N, C-alpha and C. Protein backbone atom coordinates (compact mmCIF):
# COMPACT_ATOMS: atom_id res chain seq x y z
N MET A 1 119.20 177.24 137.01
CA MET A 1 118.86 176.43 138.17
C MET A 1 117.64 177.03 138.85
N THR A 2 116.77 176.19 139.35
CA THR A 2 115.58 176.63 140.05
C THR A 2 115.78 176.52 141.56
N ASP A 3 115.02 177.30 142.31
CA ASP A 3 115.10 177.25 143.77
C ASP A 3 114.17 176.20 144.36
N ARG A 4 113.35 175.60 143.53
CA ARG A 4 112.38 174.62 144.00
C ARG A 4 112.94 173.20 143.93
N LEU A 5 112.82 172.50 145.04
CA LEU A 5 113.24 171.10 145.09
C LEU A 5 112.12 170.24 144.56
N ASP A 6 112.43 169.43 143.55
CA ASP A 6 111.46 168.51 142.98
C ASP A 6 111.87 167.08 143.34
N LEU A 7 110.87 166.26 143.61
CA LEU A 7 111.09 164.85 143.92
C LEU A 7 110.33 164.02 142.91
N ARG A 8 110.96 162.94 142.45
CA ARG A 8 110.26 162.02 141.57
C ARG A 8 110.78 160.62 141.79
N VAL A 9 109.94 159.65 141.42
CA VAL A 9 110.31 158.25 141.52
C VAL A 9 111.07 157.88 140.25
N LEU A 10 112.17 157.16 140.42
CA LEU A 10 112.93 156.68 139.27
C LEU A 10 112.27 155.43 138.69
N GLY A 11 112.27 155.35 137.37
CA GLY A 11 111.76 154.18 136.68
C GLY A 11 112.89 153.39 136.05
N GLU A 12 112.55 152.28 135.45
CA GLU A 12 113.58 151.42 134.86
C GLU A 12 114.44 152.17 133.84
N GLU A 13 113.83 153.11 133.12
CA GLU A 13 114.57 153.89 132.12
C GLU A 13 115.63 154.79 132.76
N ASP A 14 115.59 154.95 134.09
CA ASP A 14 116.53 155.81 134.81
C ASP A 14 117.72 155.03 135.38
N TRP A 15 117.92 153.80 134.93
CA TRP A 15 118.96 152.97 135.53
C TRP A 15 120.35 153.60 135.42
N GLU A 16 120.63 154.28 134.31
CA GLU A 16 121.95 154.91 134.16
C GLU A 16 122.13 156.09 135.12
N LEU A 17 121.06 156.83 135.35
CA LEU A 17 121.11 157.93 136.31
C LEU A 17 121.32 157.39 137.72
N LEU A 18 120.60 156.32 138.07
CA LEU A 18 120.82 155.70 139.38
C LEU A 18 122.26 155.23 139.50
N ARG A 19 122.77 154.59 138.47
CA ARG A 19 124.16 154.12 138.49
C ARG A 19 125.11 155.29 138.75
N GLN A 20 124.94 156.38 138.02
CA GLN A 20 125.80 157.56 138.18
C GLN A 20 125.75 158.10 139.61
N LEU A 21 124.55 158.28 140.13
CA LEU A 21 124.40 158.87 141.46
C LEU A 21 124.84 157.92 142.57
N ARG A 22 124.51 156.66 142.42
CA ARG A 22 124.89 155.67 143.43
C ARG A 22 126.40 155.52 143.50
N LEU A 23 127.08 155.45 142.35
CA LEU A 23 128.54 155.35 142.36
C LEU A 23 129.18 156.62 142.91
N LYS A 24 128.60 157.76 142.60
CA LYS A 24 129.10 159.01 143.18
C LYS A 24 128.97 159.00 144.70
N ALA A 25 127.83 158.52 145.19
CA ALA A 25 127.60 158.42 146.63
C ALA A 25 128.61 157.48 147.29
N LEU A 26 128.80 156.31 146.69
CA LEU A 26 129.72 155.32 147.25
C LEU A 26 131.17 155.81 147.21
N ALA A 27 131.53 156.58 146.19
CA ALA A 27 132.89 157.12 146.10
C ALA A 27 133.10 158.24 147.11
N HIS A 28 132.10 159.09 147.27
CA HIS A 28 132.26 160.26 148.14
C HIS A 28 132.11 159.92 149.62
N ASP A 29 131.17 159.04 149.95
CA ASP A 29 130.87 158.71 151.35
C ASP A 29 130.86 157.20 151.57
N PRO A 30 131.98 156.53 151.34
CA PRO A 30 131.98 155.07 151.40
C PRO A 30 131.58 154.50 152.76
N ALA A 31 131.87 155.20 153.84
CA ALA A 31 131.56 154.67 155.17
C ALA A 31 130.08 154.72 155.50
N ALA A 32 129.29 155.39 154.67
CA ALA A 32 127.87 155.55 154.96
C ALA A 32 127.01 154.41 154.44
N PHE A 33 127.60 153.49 153.69
CA PHE A 33 126.80 152.49 153.00
C PHE A 33 127.22 151.06 153.33
N ALA A 34 126.28 150.15 153.19
CA ALA A 34 126.55 148.73 153.42
C ALA A 34 127.22 148.08 152.22
N SER A 35 127.25 148.78 151.09
CA SER A 35 127.88 148.28 149.88
C SER A 35 129.17 149.07 149.63
N THR A 36 129.85 148.72 148.54
CA THR A 36 131.09 149.42 148.20
C THR A 36 131.08 149.87 146.74
N PHE A 37 131.87 150.89 146.46
CA PHE A 37 132.04 151.37 145.09
C PHE A 37 132.54 150.24 144.20
N ALA A 38 133.53 149.51 144.67
CA ALA A 38 134.13 148.44 143.86
C ALA A 38 133.10 147.38 143.47
N SER A 39 132.24 147.00 144.41
CA SER A 39 131.26 145.95 144.08
C SER A 39 130.19 146.47 143.12
N GLU A 40 129.69 147.68 143.35
CA GLU A 40 128.62 148.18 142.49
C GLU A 40 129.13 148.68 141.14
N GLN A 41 130.39 149.04 141.07
CA GLN A 41 130.96 149.44 139.79
C GLN A 41 130.95 148.28 138.80
N ARG A 42 130.98 147.06 139.32
CA ARG A 42 130.97 145.86 138.48
C ARG A 42 129.56 145.43 138.07
N PHE A 43 128.52 146.10 138.57
CA PHE A 43 127.16 145.72 138.22
C PHE A 43 126.95 145.83 136.71
N THR A 44 126.20 144.90 136.18
CA THR A 44 125.82 144.93 134.77
C THR A 44 124.58 145.82 134.60
N GLU A 45 124.26 146.10 133.36
CA GLU A 45 123.04 146.86 133.09
C GLU A 45 121.83 146.15 133.69
N ALA A 46 121.78 144.84 133.55
CA ALA A 46 120.64 144.08 134.10
C ALA A 46 120.56 144.23 135.62
N GLN A 47 121.69 144.25 136.29
CA GLN A 47 121.69 144.42 137.75
C GLN A 47 121.21 145.82 138.14
N TRP A 48 121.63 146.85 137.37
CA TRP A 48 121.16 148.21 137.66
C TRP A 48 119.67 148.32 137.41
N ARG A 49 119.20 147.71 136.34
CA ARG A 49 117.76 147.75 136.05
C ARG A 49 116.98 147.04 137.17
N ALA A 50 117.50 145.94 137.66
CA ALA A 50 116.85 145.22 138.76
C ALA A 50 116.86 146.05 140.04
N LEU A 51 117.94 146.77 140.28
CA LEU A 51 118.03 147.61 141.48
C LEU A 51 117.04 148.77 141.41
N VAL A 52 116.93 149.40 140.26
CA VAL A 52 116.03 150.55 140.14
C VAL A 52 114.56 150.13 140.18
N THR A 53 114.26 148.91 139.79
CA THR A 53 112.86 148.45 139.83
C THR A 53 112.55 147.63 141.08
N GLY A 54 113.54 147.10 141.74
CA GLY A 54 113.33 146.26 142.92
C GLY A 54 113.02 147.05 144.17
N TRP A 55 113.49 148.28 144.23
CA TRP A 55 113.21 149.18 145.33
C TRP A 55 112.51 150.40 144.73
N THR A 56 111.89 151.22 145.55
CA THR A 56 111.28 152.46 145.08
C THR A 56 112.28 153.58 145.35
N TRP A 57 112.92 154.06 144.29
CA TRP A 57 113.96 155.08 144.38
C TRP A 57 113.37 156.47 144.13
N PHE A 58 113.78 157.41 144.96
CA PHE A 58 113.38 158.81 144.81
C PHE A 58 114.59 159.65 144.46
N LEU A 59 114.40 160.55 143.52
CA LEU A 59 115.42 161.51 143.12
C LEU A 59 114.98 162.89 143.57
N ALA A 60 115.88 163.61 144.23
CA ALA A 60 115.64 165.01 144.58
C ALA A 60 116.49 165.86 143.63
N ALA A 61 115.87 166.87 143.03
CA ALA A 61 116.59 167.70 142.06
C ALA A 61 116.14 169.15 142.16
N TYR A 62 117.09 170.02 141.91
CA TYR A 62 116.82 171.44 141.69
C TYR A 62 117.03 171.66 140.20
N GLY A 63 115.96 171.73 139.45
CA GLY A 63 116.10 171.82 138.00
C GLY A 63 116.80 170.59 137.48
N SER A 64 117.88 170.80 136.75
CA SER A 64 118.65 169.66 136.21
C SER A 64 119.77 169.20 137.15
N ALA A 65 119.90 169.85 138.30
CA ALA A 65 120.94 169.48 139.27
C ALA A 65 120.40 168.38 140.20
N HIS A 66 121.04 167.24 140.18
CA HIS A 66 120.62 166.11 141.00
C HIS A 66 121.19 166.29 142.41
N ALA A 67 120.28 166.46 143.38
CA ALA A 67 120.69 166.79 144.74
C ALA A 67 120.83 165.57 145.64
N GLY A 68 120.06 164.51 145.39
CA GLY A 68 120.15 163.35 146.26
C GLY A 68 119.21 162.24 145.84
N ILE A 69 119.39 161.09 146.48
CA ILE A 69 118.58 159.90 146.23
C ILE A 69 118.29 159.18 147.54
N ALA A 70 117.23 158.41 147.54
CA ALA A 70 116.90 157.52 148.65
C ALA A 70 115.94 156.47 148.12
N ALA A 71 115.87 155.35 148.83
CA ALA A 71 114.99 154.27 148.40
C ALA A 71 114.18 153.72 149.56
N GLY A 72 113.05 153.14 149.21
CA GLY A 72 112.23 152.42 150.17
C GLY A 72 111.95 151.03 149.62
N THR A 73 111.79 150.07 150.52
CA THR A 73 111.52 148.70 150.12
C THR A 73 110.75 147.97 151.21
N ALA A 74 110.06 146.93 150.81
CA ALA A 74 109.41 146.02 151.76
C ALA A 74 110.30 144.81 152.01
N LEU A 75 111.48 144.79 151.41
CA LEU A 75 112.47 143.74 151.67
C LEU A 75 113.27 144.11 152.92
N TYR A 76 113.97 143.16 153.48
CA TYR A 76 114.87 143.39 154.63
C TYR A 76 114.11 143.84 155.87
N VAL A 77 112.88 143.40 156.03
CA VAL A 77 112.08 143.82 157.18
C VAL A 77 111.70 142.59 158.01
N ASP A 78 111.28 142.86 159.24
CA ASP A 78 110.93 141.78 160.15
C ASP A 78 109.45 141.48 160.21
N SER A 79 108.61 142.39 159.69
CA SER A 79 107.17 142.16 159.75
C SER A 79 106.50 142.74 158.51
N VAL A 80 105.27 142.27 158.24
CA VAL A 80 104.56 142.70 157.05
C VAL A 80 104.19 144.18 157.09
N ASP A 81 104.15 144.79 158.27
CA ASP A 81 103.80 146.20 158.37
C ASP A 81 105.01 147.12 158.54
N GLU A 82 106.18 146.61 158.19
CA GLU A 82 107.41 147.41 158.24
C GLU A 82 107.90 147.67 156.82
N ARG A 83 108.39 148.86 156.59
CA ARG A 83 109.05 149.22 155.34
C ARG A 83 110.44 149.72 155.71
N HIS A 84 111.37 149.67 154.75
CA HIS A 84 112.77 149.97 155.04
C HIS A 84 113.28 151.11 154.16
N LEU A 85 113.96 152.05 154.77
CA LEU A 85 114.61 153.16 154.09
C LEU A 85 116.08 152.81 153.90
N LEU A 86 116.59 153.01 152.69
CA LEU A 86 118.00 152.73 152.45
C LEU A 86 118.53 153.58 151.31
N GLY A 87 119.85 153.64 151.23
CA GLY A 87 120.50 154.33 150.11
C GLY A 87 120.39 155.84 150.14
N LEU A 88 120.02 156.44 151.27
CA LEU A 88 119.90 157.89 151.33
C LEU A 88 121.27 158.54 151.16
N TRP A 89 121.33 159.46 150.21
CA TRP A 89 122.56 160.22 150.00
C TRP A 89 122.21 161.58 149.41
N VAL A 90 122.85 162.62 149.94
CA VAL A 90 122.70 163.97 149.43
C VAL A 90 124.06 164.45 148.96
N ASP A 91 124.10 164.95 147.73
CA ASP A 91 125.33 165.50 147.18
C ASP A 91 125.84 166.60 148.13
N PRO A 92 127.13 166.62 148.43
CA PRO A 92 127.66 167.60 149.39
C PRO A 92 127.27 169.05 149.11
N GLN A 93 127.18 169.43 147.86
CA GLN A 93 126.84 170.83 147.56
C GLN A 93 125.40 171.18 147.91
N TRP A 94 124.56 170.17 148.17
CA TRP A 94 123.16 170.39 148.48
C TRP A 94 122.81 170.07 149.93
N ARG A 95 123.79 169.74 150.73
CA ARG A 95 123.52 169.40 152.13
C ARG A 95 123.14 170.65 152.94
N ARG A 96 122.40 170.39 154.00
CA ARG A 96 121.92 171.44 154.91
C ARG A 96 120.92 172.38 154.24
N ARG A 97 120.19 171.84 153.26
CA ARG A 97 119.15 172.62 152.56
C ARG A 97 117.80 171.92 152.60
N GLY A 98 117.68 170.89 153.42
CA GLY A 98 116.41 170.19 153.56
C GLY A 98 116.21 169.03 152.60
N VAL A 99 117.24 168.71 151.81
CA VAL A 99 117.10 167.63 150.83
C VAL A 99 116.91 166.28 151.51
N ALA A 100 117.71 165.99 152.53
CA ALA A 100 117.57 164.71 153.23
C ALA A 100 116.19 164.60 153.87
N HIS A 101 115.73 165.67 154.49
CA HIS A 101 114.40 165.66 155.09
C HIS A 101 113.33 165.36 154.04
N ALA A 102 113.44 166.01 152.88
CA ALA A 102 112.46 165.81 151.81
C ALA A 102 112.49 164.37 151.30
N LEU A 103 113.68 163.80 151.16
CA LEU A 103 113.78 162.43 150.69
C LEU A 103 113.21 161.45 151.72
N VAL A 104 113.50 161.66 152.99
CA VAL A 104 112.94 160.78 154.02
C VAL A 104 111.42 160.92 154.05
N GLU A 105 110.92 162.13 153.87
CA GLU A 105 109.47 162.35 153.82
C GLU A 105 108.86 161.61 152.63
N ALA A 106 109.52 161.65 151.49
CA ALA A 106 109.01 160.95 150.31
C ALA A 106 108.97 159.45 150.55
N VAL A 107 110.02 158.89 151.14
CA VAL A 107 110.03 157.45 151.44
C VAL A 107 108.97 157.13 152.48
N THR A 108 108.80 157.99 153.47
CA THR A 108 107.78 157.77 154.49
C THR A 108 106.39 157.76 153.87
N ASP A 109 106.11 158.72 152.99
CA ASP A 109 104.82 158.75 152.30
C ASP A 109 104.59 157.48 151.50
N TRP A 110 105.62 157.05 150.79
CA TRP A 110 105.52 155.80 150.03
C TRP A 110 105.20 154.64 150.98
N ALA A 111 105.90 154.59 152.12
CA ALA A 111 105.71 153.50 153.08
C ALA A 111 104.29 153.49 153.63
N VAL A 112 103.74 154.67 153.91
CA VAL A 112 102.36 154.76 154.40
C VAL A 112 101.39 154.26 153.32
N ARG A 113 101.58 154.73 152.09
CA ARG A 113 100.71 154.29 150.99
C ARG A 113 100.83 152.79 150.74
N ASP A 114 102.00 152.23 151.04
CA ASP A 114 102.25 150.81 150.81
C ASP A 114 101.79 149.95 152.00
N GLY A 115 101.17 150.57 152.98
CA GLY A 115 100.64 149.82 154.11
C GLY A 115 101.56 149.67 155.29
N GLY A 116 102.66 150.42 155.30
CA GLY A 116 103.60 150.32 156.40
C GLY A 116 103.10 150.97 157.68
N ARG A 117 103.45 150.38 158.78
CA ARG A 117 103.18 150.95 160.10
C ARG A 117 104.46 151.47 160.73
N TRP A 118 105.57 150.88 160.31
CA TRP A 118 106.90 151.24 160.82
C TRP A 118 107.83 151.48 159.65
N LEU A 119 108.74 152.42 159.82
CA LEU A 119 109.81 152.63 158.84
C LEU A 119 111.11 152.37 159.57
N SER A 120 111.94 151.51 158.98
CA SER A 120 113.21 151.14 159.61
C SER A 120 114.38 151.56 158.73
N LEU A 121 115.54 151.61 159.34
CA LEU A 121 116.80 151.85 158.62
C LEU A 121 117.95 151.42 159.51
N TRP A 122 119.03 151.05 158.87
CA TRP A 122 120.27 150.75 159.59
C TRP A 122 121.19 151.95 159.44
N VAL A 123 121.86 152.32 160.52
CA VAL A 123 122.82 153.42 160.45
C VAL A 123 124.06 153.02 161.24
N ALA A 124 125.23 153.29 160.64
CA ALA A 124 126.49 152.96 161.29
C ALA A 124 126.62 153.73 162.59
N ASP A 125 127.06 153.05 163.62
CA ASP A 125 127.15 153.67 164.94
C ASP A 125 128.13 154.83 164.99
N ASP A 126 129.12 154.84 164.10
CA ASP A 126 130.09 155.94 164.09
C ASP A 126 129.73 157.04 163.10
N ASN A 127 128.58 156.96 162.47
CA ASN A 127 128.14 157.98 161.52
C ASN A 127 127.26 158.99 162.27
N MET A 128 127.92 159.88 163.00
CA MET A 128 127.21 160.81 163.87
C MET A 128 126.27 161.76 163.10
N PRO A 129 126.67 162.30 161.94
CA PRO A 129 125.72 163.17 161.23
C PRO A 129 124.43 162.44 160.85
N ALA A 130 124.53 161.20 160.37
CA ALA A 130 123.34 160.44 160.00
C ALA A 130 122.50 160.12 161.23
N ARG A 131 123.15 159.73 162.31
CA ARG A 131 122.40 159.43 163.54
C ARG A 131 121.64 160.66 164.02
N ALA A 132 122.28 161.83 163.95
CA ALA A 132 121.62 163.07 164.38
C ALA A 132 120.44 163.40 163.47
N LEU A 133 120.63 163.25 162.15
CA LEU A 133 119.55 163.50 161.20
C LEU A 133 118.35 162.61 161.50
N TYR A 134 118.59 161.31 161.63
CA TYR A 134 117.49 160.39 161.84
C TYR A 134 116.80 160.61 163.19
N ALA A 135 117.54 160.99 164.21
CA ALA A 135 116.92 161.31 165.50
C ALA A 135 116.01 162.52 165.37
N THR A 136 116.46 163.52 164.62
CA THR A 136 115.65 164.72 164.38
C THR A 136 114.35 164.35 163.67
N LEU A 137 114.40 163.35 162.81
CA LEU A 137 113.24 162.94 162.03
C LEU A 137 112.36 161.92 162.75
N GLY A 138 112.69 161.62 164.01
CA GLY A 138 111.83 160.76 164.81
C GLY A 138 112.20 159.29 164.86
N PHE A 139 113.32 158.91 164.28
CA PHE A 139 113.77 157.52 164.36
C PHE A 139 114.43 157.28 165.70
N ARG A 140 114.21 156.10 166.26
CA ARG A 140 114.80 155.73 167.54
C ARG A 140 115.58 154.43 167.38
N ALA A 141 116.75 154.40 168.03
CA ALA A 141 117.59 153.21 167.97
C ALA A 141 116.92 152.05 168.69
N THR A 142 117.07 150.86 168.13
CA THR A 142 116.60 149.64 168.77
C THR A 142 117.81 148.96 169.42
N ASP A 143 117.61 147.78 169.96
CA ASP A 143 118.74 147.04 170.53
C ASP A 143 119.37 146.10 169.52
N ARG A 144 118.95 146.18 168.24
CA ARG A 144 119.51 145.32 167.19
C ARG A 144 120.75 145.96 166.61
N VAL A 145 121.88 145.28 166.77
CA VAL A 145 123.17 145.75 166.29
C VAL A 145 123.80 144.62 165.48
N GLN A 146 124.47 145.00 164.40
CA GLN A 146 125.14 144.00 163.56
C GLN A 146 126.39 144.65 162.95
N PRO A 147 127.29 143.84 162.41
CA PRO A 147 128.44 144.41 161.70
C PRO A 147 127.97 145.10 160.41
N VAL A 148 128.63 146.17 160.03
CA VAL A 148 128.35 146.83 158.76
C VAL A 148 128.81 145.87 157.66
N PRO A 149 127.94 145.49 156.72
CA PRO A 149 128.32 144.49 155.71
C PRO A 149 129.59 144.83 154.93
N SER A 150 129.82 146.09 154.63
CA SER A 150 131.00 146.46 153.84
C SER A 150 132.23 146.68 154.71
N ALA A 151 132.06 146.70 156.03
CA ALA A 151 133.18 146.95 156.96
C ALA A 151 132.87 146.24 158.28
N PRO A 152 133.05 144.93 158.35
CA PRO A 152 132.62 144.15 159.52
C PRO A 152 133.27 144.55 160.84
N HIS A 153 134.33 145.34 160.81
CA HIS A 153 134.93 145.82 162.06
C HIS A 153 134.13 146.96 162.68
N ARG A 154 133.14 147.49 161.93
CA ARG A 154 132.25 148.55 162.42
C ARG A 154 130.88 147.95 162.69
N THR A 155 130.08 148.63 163.48
CA THR A 155 128.73 148.15 163.76
C THR A 155 127.69 149.17 163.31
N GLU A 156 126.48 148.65 163.09
CA GLU A 156 125.34 149.50 162.76
C GLU A 156 124.16 149.06 163.61
N THR A 157 123.26 150.02 163.84
CA THR A 157 122.09 149.78 164.68
C THR A 157 120.83 150.03 163.88
N LEU A 158 119.84 149.17 164.09
CA LEU A 158 118.55 149.34 163.45
C LEU A 158 117.78 150.44 164.18
N HIS A 159 117.24 151.37 163.40
CA HIS A 159 116.40 152.45 163.93
C HIS A 159 114.99 152.29 163.37
N LEU A 160 114.00 152.66 164.17
CA LEU A 160 112.59 152.55 163.77
C LEU A 160 111.86 153.87 164.02
N LYS A 161 110.85 154.08 163.20
CA LYS A 161 109.95 155.21 163.37
C LYS A 161 108.54 154.70 163.10
N GLU A 162 107.62 154.97 164.03
CA GLU A 162 106.24 154.58 163.80
C GLU A 162 105.61 155.57 162.84
N ILE A 163 104.95 155.05 161.80
CA ILE A 163 104.31 155.90 160.80
C ILE A 163 102.83 155.61 160.68
N SER A 164 102.31 154.69 161.50
CA SER A 164 100.88 154.38 161.42
C SER A 164 100.07 155.58 161.90
N GLY A 165 98.90 155.75 161.31
CA GLY A 165 98.06 156.87 161.67
C GLY A 165 98.47 158.16 161.01
N ARG A 166 99.51 158.12 160.23
CA ARG A 166 100.02 159.30 159.55
C ARG A 166 99.43 159.33 158.15
N GLU A 167 99.08 160.48 157.70
CA GLU A 167 98.57 160.65 156.33
C GLU A 167 99.73 160.98 155.41
N ALA A 168 99.75 160.41 154.23
CA ALA A 168 100.77 160.75 153.24
C ALA A 168 100.57 162.21 152.83
N THR A 169 101.68 162.95 152.66
CA THR A 169 101.61 164.37 152.33
C THR A 169 101.50 164.60 150.84
N GLY A 170 101.71 163.57 150.06
CA GLY A 170 101.64 163.72 148.61
C GLY A 170 103.00 163.83 147.95
N ALA A 171 104.07 163.95 148.74
CA ALA A 171 105.41 163.99 148.16
C ALA A 171 105.72 162.64 147.58
N GLY A 172 106.38 162.61 146.44
CA GLY A 172 106.77 161.34 145.81
C GLY A 172 105.60 160.68 145.22
């Protein structure tokens, strides 16, 4: 194992790796996501290939150890200069080592290169660790609240971070 965290963009050929990590994330931290293990476990190969190519997925790894994933997209946004962060998950054994920060930085760099001025994300109101992480990274809650799609009895709030005027750092 190496001490250096590497980040890379997943390609269509990585659909099985995305499937493995995404299902692991949904099984381990089901309350953190708008989807469910049961629904994504039924995805076909074609659906996984579409997911890996439809969003820009980043993999964080220490050597061959997969530490986490996150995605960015221009879908699910309110304006042409907004990009959206979703699917962030860090394997529990790699938490509190800067992996989440690195993944958010990679998505932010992608969003800047893609012409984004704002980076948005939805976070469940009862997910205090995620809310604290995103606040530390400069995201601020908006007044937009909705039911969590996978658990309508819970709510989530849209958070935004201005990224205009920022230079991409080269990560991702």
